[in-house]
Amino acid sequence: MSEGIRIKVAGTAEDREMAFMIRSAVFIGEQKCPYFEEFDGNDYSATHLIGFCNDEPAATARLRYFSDCIKLERFAVRSEFRGTEITTCLIDFAFAFCQQKGYTRVYGHAQKRLLRFWRKHGFRLMNKPPFHFSDAEYVAMVADIDPKSSALGMMSDDTVLLRPEGNWDRPGILERSMMRPARDVPRDRGHGAGELSAS
């Protein structure tokens, strides 16, 4: 990754606010998308990525999960950072993230005018009719990505699956808790909810 560029999963409320700020500037400010169409009720069931140029929030994307693909959406780059490597770095990070999750397809909706751009990044047009929303015409596209032999799943190391999203290569807080001995967890006599807890 180029010097000064950093991409990560939005793991804090502040990260998510920065992602929302970028989307507001691009989609609401530039493209005049109505607020309630941009913030459509899917933000709290998705993974958000955020890209920084010299620590300034510059680009974002949202990922949502379906049975046969991850859907890449709300991809936005602030105008002053367009034409820099942040765009390619964010797409590459998104693809690697999807591979680590075990997906082999990334699906998306592209504004028709931007299809050439997305083709350069491995997407192809799908055989589905164009459609429009928020006053722009869109087409469906998909990119095939190579499966990753180390993709995460239920047979992965349990400590890795406990780590924060996107930080699977670094020990997490729950691994530090393993330095303490296990103890008996008090039983909730009211309704047994404690017996149903899961990490």
C-alpha atoms as a PDB file:
ATOM      1  CA  MET A   1       0.000   0.000   0.000  1.00  0.00           C
ATOM      2  CA  SER A   2       1.266   3.465  -0.849  1.00  0.00           C
ATOM      3  CA  GLU A   3       2.882   5.577   1.833  1.00  0.00           C
ATOM      4  CA  GLY A   4       0.344   7.696   3.663  1.00  0.00           C
ATOM      5  CA  ILE A   5      -2.599   5.482   2.671  1.00  0.00           C
ATOM      6  CA  ARG A   6      -4.269   3.303   5.274  1.00  0.00           C
ATOM      7  CA  ILE A   7      -7.446   1.223   4.944  1.00  0.00           C
ATOM      8  CA  LYS A   8      -9.295  -0.433   7.809  1.00  0.00           C
ATOM      9  CA  VAL A   9     -12.603  -1.783   8.974  1.00  0.00           C
ATOM     10  CA  ALA A  10     -14.561   0.948  10.759  1.00  0.00           C
ATOM     11  CA  GLY A  11     -14.321  -0.437  14.275  1.00  0.00           C
ATOM     12  CA  THR A  12     -15.423   2.516  16.380  1.00  0.00           C
ATOM     13  CA  ALA A  13     -18.299   4.979  16.434  1.00  0.00           C
ATOM     14  CA  GLU A  14     -15.889   7.701  15.292  1.00  0.00           C
ATOM     15  CA  ASP A  15     -14.744   5.567  12.331  1.00  0.00           C
ATOM     16  CA  ARG A  16     -18.352   5.076  11.289  1.00  0.00           C
ATOM     17  CA  GLU A  17     -19.066   8.800  11.647  1.00  0.00           C
ATOM     18  CA  MET A  18     -16.137   9.521   9.332  1.00  0.00           C
ATOM     19  CA  ALA A  19     -17.524   7.033   6.796  1.00  0.00           C
ATOM     20  CA  PHE A  20     -20.931   8.703   7.021  1.00  0.00           C
ATOM     21  CA  MET A  21     -19.321  12.131   6.591  1.00  0.00           C
ATOM     22  CA  ILE A  22     -17.636  11.026   3.361  1.00  0.00           C
ATOM     23  CA  ARG A  23     -20.878   9.582   2.026  1.00  0.00           C
ATOM     24  CA  SER A  24     -22.759  12.751   2.957  1.00  0.00           C
ATOM     25  CA  ALA A  25     -20.234  14.905   1.095  1.00  0.00           C
ATOM     26  CA  VAL A  26     -20.285  12.723  -2.035  1.00  0.00           C
ATOM     27  CA  PHE A  27     -23.837  11.418  -2.334  1.00  0.00           C
ATOM     28  CA  ILE A  28     -25.868  14.119  -0.590  1.00  0.00           C
ATOM     29  CA  GLY A  29     -23.619  17.125  -1.274  1.00  0.00           C
ATOM     30  CA  GLU A  30     -22.434  16.378  -4.817  1.00  0.00           C
ATOM     31  CA  GLN A  31     -25.092  14.054  -6.201  1.00  0.00           C
ATOM     32  CA  LYS A  32     -28.071  15.594  -4.350  1.00  0.00           C
ATOM     33  CA  CYS A  33     -29.292  12.246  -3.028  1.00  0.00           C
ATOM     34  CA  PRO A  34     -32.038  12.681  -0.396  1.00  0.00           C
ATOM     35  CA  TYR A  35     -30.838  11.952   3.142  1.00  0.00           C
ATOM     36  CA  PHE A  36     -33.233   9.063   3.846  1.00  0.00           C
ATOM     37  CA  GLU A  37     -32.322   7.383   0.570  1.00  0.00           C
ATOM     38  CA  GLU A  38     -28.608   7.559   1.320  1.00  0.00           C
ATOM     39  CA  PHE A  39     -29.012   6.363   4.910  1.00  0.00           C
ATOM     40  CA  ASP A  40     -31.374   3.566   4.031  1.00  0.00           C
ATOM     41  CA  GLY A  41     -31.611   1.436   7.173  1.00  0.00           C
ATOM     42  CA  ASN A  42     -28.810  -0.985   6.242  1.00  0.00           C
ATOM     43  CA  ASP A  43     -25.895   0.728   7.945  1.00  0.00           C
ATOM     44  CA  TYR A  44     -26.137  -1.177  11.219  1.00  0.00           C
ATOM     45  CA  SER A  45     -26.229  -4.589   9.558  1.00  0.00           C
ATOM     46  CA  ALA A  46     -23.146  -3.971   7.421  1.00  0.00           C
ATOM     47  CA  THR A  47     -19.369  -3.724   7.605  1.00  0.00           C
ATOM     48  CA  HIS A  48     -17.941  -0.306   6.774  1.00  0.00           C
ATOM     49  CA  LEU A  49     -14.448   0.258   5.396  1.00  0.00           C
ATOM     50  CA  ILE A  50     -12.637   3.541   5.706  1.00  0.00           C
ATOM     51  CA  GLY A  51      -9.559   4.779   3.872  1.00  0.00           C
ATOM     52  CA  PHE A  52      -7.200   7.498   5.051  1.00  0.00           C
ATOM     53  CA  CYS A  53      -4.702   9.648   3.157  1.00  0.00           C
ATOM     54  CA  ASN A  54      -2.133  10.978   5.624  1.00  0.00           C
ATOM     55  CA  ASP A  55      -4.640  10.361   8.442  1.00  0.00           C
ATOM     56  CA  GLU A  56      -7.395  12.351   6.712  1.00  0.00           C
ATOM     57  CA  PRO A  57     -10.595  10.327   6.093  1.00  0.00           C
ATOM     58  CA  ALA A  58     -10.748  10.117   2.315  1.00  0.00           C
ATOM     59  CA  ALA A  59     -12.804   7.123   1.116  1.00  0.00           C
ATOM     60  CA  THR A  60     -15.341   4.608   2.322  1.00  0.00           C
ATOM     61  CA  ALA A  61     -17.351   1.556   1.271  1.00  0.00           C
ATOM     62  CA  ARG A  62     -20.072  -0.597   2.800  1.00  0.00           C
ATOM     63  CA  LEU A  63     -20.224  -4.394   2.627  1.00  0.00           C
ATOM     64  CA  ARG A  64     -23.328  -6.514   3.128  1.00  0.00           C
ATOM     65  CA  TYR A  65     -23.536 -10.296   3.181  1.00  0.00           C
ATOM     66  CA  PHE A  66     -25.721 -12.605   1.095  1.00  0.00           C
ATOM     67  CA  SER A  67     -25.685 -16.343   0.475  1.00  0.00           C
ATOM     68  CA  ASP A  68     -23.580 -16.283  -2.687  1.00  0.00           C
ATOM     69  CA  CYS A  69     -21.817 -12.922  -2.572  1.00  0.00           C
ATOM     70  CA  ILE A  70     -20.751  -9.915  -0.609  1.00  0.00           C
ATOM     71  CA  LYS A  71     -22.361  -6.745  -1.921  1.00  0.00           C
ATOM     72  CA  LEU A  72     -20.025  -3.763  -2.272  1.00  0.00           C
ATOM     73  CA  GLU A  73     -21.956  -0.526  -1.983  1.00  0.00           C
ATOM     74  CA  ARG A  74     -21.835   3.113  -0.892  1.00  0.00           C
ATOM     75  CA  PHE A  75     -18.339   3.368  -2.385  1.00  0.00           C
ATOM     76  CA  ALA A  76     -17.338   7.006  -2.083  1.00  0.00           C
ATOM     77  CA  VAL A  77     -14.122   9.003  -2.421  1.00  0.00           C
ATOM     78  CA  ARG A  78     -13.949  12.661  -1.420  1.00  0.00           C
ATOM     79  CA  SER A  79     -13.435  14.854  -4.459  1.00  0.00           C
ATOM     80  CA  GLU A  80     -10.011  16.101  -3.386  1.00  0.00           C
ATOM     81  CA  PHE A  81      -8.691  12.511  -3.211  1.00  0.00           C
ATOM     82  CA  ARG A  82     -10.031  11.226  -6.526  1.00  0.00           C
ATOM     83  CA  GLY A  83      -7.316  10.211  -8.944  1.00  0.00           C
ATOM     84  CA  THR A  84      -5.065   9.081  -6.092  1.00  0.00           C
ATOM     85  CA  GLU A  85      -4.217   5.506  -5.152  1.00  0.00           C
ATOM     86  CA  ILE A  86      -6.774   5.494  -2.330  1.00  0.00           C
ATOM     87  CA  THR A  87      -9.426   4.209  -4.768  1.00  0.00           C
ATOM     88  CA  THR A  88      -7.461   1.129  -5.858  1.00  0.00           C
ATOM     89  CA  CYS A  89      -6.253   0.494  -2.299  1.00  0.00           C
ATOM     90  CA  LEU A  90      -9.829   0.516  -0.983  1.00  0.00           C
ATOM     91  CA  ILE A  91     -11.046  -1.875  -3.695  1.00  0.00           C
ATOM     92  CA  ASP A  92      -8.078  -4.216  -3.095  1.00  0.00           C
ATOM     93  CA  PHE A  93      -8.725  -4.168   0.657  1.00  0.00           C
ATOM     94  CA  ALA A  94     -12.411  -4.950   0.085  1.00  0.00           C
ATOM     95  CA  PHE A  95     -11.554  -7.901  -2.160  1.00  0.00           C
ATOM     96  CA  ALA A  96      -9.025  -9.285   0.347  1.00  0.00           C
ATOM     97  CA  PHE A  97     -11.565  -8.882   3.159  1.00  0.00           C
ATOM     98  CA  CYS A  98     -14.184 -10.794   1.135  1.00  0.00           C
ATOM     99  CA  GLN A  99     -11.671 -13.560   0.384  1.00  0.00           C
ATOM    100  CA  GLN A 100     -10.820 -13.886   4.083  1.00  0.00           C
ATOM    101  CA  LYS A 101     -14.547 -14.310   4.745  1.00  0.00           C
ATOM    102  CA  GLY A 102     -14.616 -17.156   2.214  1.00  0.00           C
ATOM    103  CA  TYR A 103     -16.539 -15.392  -0.543  1.00  0.00           C
ATOM    104  CA  THR A 104     -15.610 -15.775  -4.214  1.00  0.00           C
ATOM    105  CA  ARG A 105     -17.953 -13.137  -5.662  1.00  0.00           C
ATOM    106  CA  VAL A 106     -18.322  -9.414  -5.061  1.00  0.00           C
ATOM    107  CA  TYR A 107     -21.586  -7.992  -6.367  1.00  0.00           C
ATOM    108  CA  GLY A 108     -22.500  -4.366  -6.816  1.00  0.00           C
ATOM    109  CA  HIS A 109     -24.646  -1.741  -8.492  1.00  0.00           C
ATOM    110  CA  ALA A 110     -22.723   0.762 -10.590  1.00  0.00           C
ATOM    111  CA  GLN A 111     -23.984   4.018 -11.951  1.00  0.00           C
ATOM    112  CA  LYS A 112     -24.064   3.384 -15.675  1.00  0.00           C
ATOM    113  CA  ARG A 113     -21.668   6.257 -16.353  1.00  0.00           C
ATOM    114  CA  LEU A 114     -19.033   4.587 -14.113  1.00  0.00           C
ATOM    115  CA  LEU A 115     -19.105   1.088 -15.578  1.00  0.00           C
ATOM    116  CA  ARG A 116     -15.818   1.575 -17.430  1.00  0.00           C
ATOM    117  CA  PHE A 117     -14.112   2.456 -14.131  1.00  0.00           C
ATOM    118  CA  TRP A 118     -15.449  -0.686 -12.413  1.00  0.00           C
ATOM    119  CA  ARG A 119     -14.444  -2.896 -15.359  1.00  0.00           C
ATOM    120  CA  LYS A 120     -10.843  -1.777 -14.829  1.00  0.00           C
ATOM    121  CA  HIS A 121     -11.114  -3.217 -11.317  1.00  0.00           C
ATOM    122  CA  GLY A 122     -12.295  -6.666 -12.381  1.00  0.00           C
ATOM    123  CA  PHE A 123     -16.077  -6.244 -12.494  1.00  0.00           C
ATOM    124  CA  ARG A 124     -18.216  -7.401 -15.395  1.00  0.00           C
ATOM    125  CA  LEU A 125     -21.733  -6.451 -16.373  1.00  0.00           C
ATOM    126  CA  MET A 126     -24.405  -8.973 -15.376  1.00  0.00           C
ATOM    127  CA  ASN A 127     -27.257 -10.054 -17.609  1.00  0.00           C
ATOM    128  CA  LYS A 128     -29.863  -8.116 -15.646  1.00  0.00           C
ATOM    129  CA  PRO A 129     -31.877  -5.116 -16.824  1.00  0.00           C
ATOM    130  CA  PRO A 130     -30.710  -1.615 -15.816  1.00  0.00           C
ATOM    131  CA  PHE A 131     -32.747   0.092 -13.110  1.00  0.00           C
ATOM    132  CA  HIS A 132     -32.722   3.428 -11.314  1.00  0.00           C
ATOM    133  CA  PHE A 133     -32.943   4.767  -7.795  1.00  0.00           C
ATOM    134  CA  SER A 134     -32.116   8.101  -6.178  1.00  0.00           C
ATOM    135  CA  ASP A 135     -32.403   9.698  -9.634  1.00  0.00           C
ATOM    136  CA  ALA A 136     -29.485   7.781 -11.210  1.00  0.00           C
ATOM    137  CA  GLU A 137     -29.417   4.805 -13.590  1.00  0.00           C
ATOM    138  CA  TYR A 138     -27.649   1.684 -12.348  1.00  0.00           C
ATOM    139  CA  VAL A 139     -26.492  -1.661 -13.704  1.00  0.00           C
ATOM    140  CA  ALA A 140     -25.652  -4.866 -11.839  1.00  0.00           C
ATOM    141  CA  MET A 141     -22.033  -6.024 -11.889  1.00  0.00           C
ATOM    142  CA  VAL A 142     -19.990  -8.825 -10.351  1.00  0.00           C
ATOM    143  CA  ALA A 143     -16.308  -9.609  -9.821  1.00  0.00           C
ATOM    144  CA  ASP A 144     -15.002 -13.129  -9.293  1.00  0.00           C
ATOM    145  CA  ILE A 145     -12.240 -13.386  -6.733  1.00  0.00           C
ATOM    146  CA  ASP A 146      -9.992 -16.360  -6.056  1.00  0.00           C
ATOM    147  CA  PRO A 147     -10.903 -18.463  -3.027  1.00  0.00           C
ATOM    148  CA  LYS A 148      -8.483 -18.197  -0.135  1.00  0.00           C
ATOM    149  CA  SER A 149      -7.284 -21.439   1.427  1.00  0.00           C
ATOM    150  CA  SER A 150      -7.089 -19.770   4.839  1.00  0.00           C
ATOM    151  CA  ALA A 151     -10.620 -18.303   4.685  1.00  0.00           C
ATOM    152  CA  LEU A 152     -12.257 -18.082   8.087  1.00  0.00           C
ATOM    153  CA  GLY A 153     -14.937 -20.537   9.090  1.00  0.00           C
ATOM    154  CA  MET A 154     -16.071 -22.722  11.958  1.00  0.00           C
ATOM    155  CA  MET A 155     -12.940 -24.889  11.696  1.00  0.00           C
ATOM    156  CA  SER A 156     -10.676 -21.846  12.127  1.00  0.00           C
ATOM    157  CA  ASP A 157      -8.860 -21.290  15.411  1.00  0.00           C
ATOM    158  CA  ASP A 158     -11.500 -20.157  17.894  1.00  0.00           C
ATOM    159  CA  THR A 159      -9.288 -17.381  19.228  1.00  0.00           C
ATOM    160  CA  VAL A 160      -9.010 -15.928  15.716  1.00  0.00           C
ATOM    161  CA  LEU A 161     -12.803 -15.940  15.332  1.00  0.00           C
ATOM    162  CA  LEU A 162     -13.082 -13.901  18.550  1.00  0.00           C
ATOM    163  CA  ARG A 163     -10.864 -11.111  17.217  1.00  0.00           C
ATOM    164  CA  PRO A 164     -12.287  -7.767  16.013  1.00  0.00           C
ATOM    165  CA  GLU A 165     -13.585  -7.791  12.449  1.00  0.00           C
ATOM    166  CA  GLY A 166     -10.796  -7.315   9.928  1.00  0.00           C
ATOM    167  CA  ASN A 167      -8.049  -7.642  12.564  1.00  0.00           C
ATOM    168  CA  TRP A 168      -7.784 -11.409  12.442  1.00  0.00           C
ATOM    169  CA  ASP A 169      -3.981 -11.355  12.332  1.00  0.00           C
ATOM    170  CA  ARG A 170      -3.644  -9.594  15.702  1.00  0.00           C
ATOM    171  CA  PRO A 171      -4.456 -10.997  19.146  1.00  0.00           C
ATOM    172  CA  GLY A 172      -7.619  -9.491  20.580  1.00  0.00           C
ATOM    173  CA  ILE A 173      -8.811  -8.526  24.043  1.00  0.00           C
ATOM    174  CA  LEU A 174     -10.441 -11.910  24.687  1.00  0.00           C
ATOM    175  CA  GLU A 175      -7.110 -13.667  24.181  1.00  0.00           C
ATOM    176  CA  ARG A 176      -5.645 -11.507  26.919  1.00  0.00           C
ATOM    177  CA  SER A 177      -8.522 -12.588  29.149  1.00  0.00           C
ATOM    178  CA  MET A 178      -7.285 -16.166  28.739  1.00  0.00           C
ATOM    179  CA  MET A 179      -4.367 -15.313  31.015  1.00  0.00           C
ATOM    180  CA  ARG A 180      -6.872 -15.448  33.881  1.00  0.00           C
ATOM    181  CA  PRO A 181      -8.061 -18.868  35.009  1.00  0.00           C
ATOM    182  CA  ALA A 182     -11.594 -19.929  34.107  1.00  0.00           C
ATOM    183  CA  ARG A 183     -14.123 -19.718  36.923  1.00  0.00           C
ATOM    184  CA  ASP A 184     -17.638 -20.896  37.556  1.00  0.00           C
ATOM    185  CA  VAL A 185     -20.159 -18.479  36.080  1.00  0.00           C
ATOM    186  CA  PRO A 186     -23.027 -17.848  38.522  1.00  0.00           C
ATOM    187  CA  ARG A 187     -26.303 -19.357  37.406  1.00  0.00           C
ATOM    188  CA  ASP A 188     -29.142 -16.904  36.774  1.00  0.00           C
ATOM    189  CA  ARG A 189     -32.004 -18.407  38.768  1.00  0.00           C
ATOM    190  CA  GLY A 190     -34.551 -15.957  37.337  1.00  0.00           C
ATOM    191  CA  HIS A 191     -34.856 -17.230  33.773  1.00  0.00           C
ATOM    192  CA  GLY A 192     -31.683 -19.100  32.878  1.00  0.00           C
ATOM    193  CA  ALA A 193     -30.468 -16.412  30.482  1.00  0.00           C
ATOM    194  CA  GLY A 194     -26.878 -16.922  31.604  1.00  0.00           C
ATOM    195  CA  GLU A 195     -26.983 -20.467  30.243  1.00  0.00           C
ATOM    196  CA  LEU A 196     -27.790 -19.120  26.793  1.00  0.00           C
ATOM    197  CA  SER A 197     -24.812 -16.777  26.516  1.00  0.00           C
ATOM    198  CA  ALA A 198     -22.529 -17.180  23.526  1.00  0.00           C
ATOM    199  CA  SER A 199     -19.361 -15.378  22.565  1.00  0.00           C
END
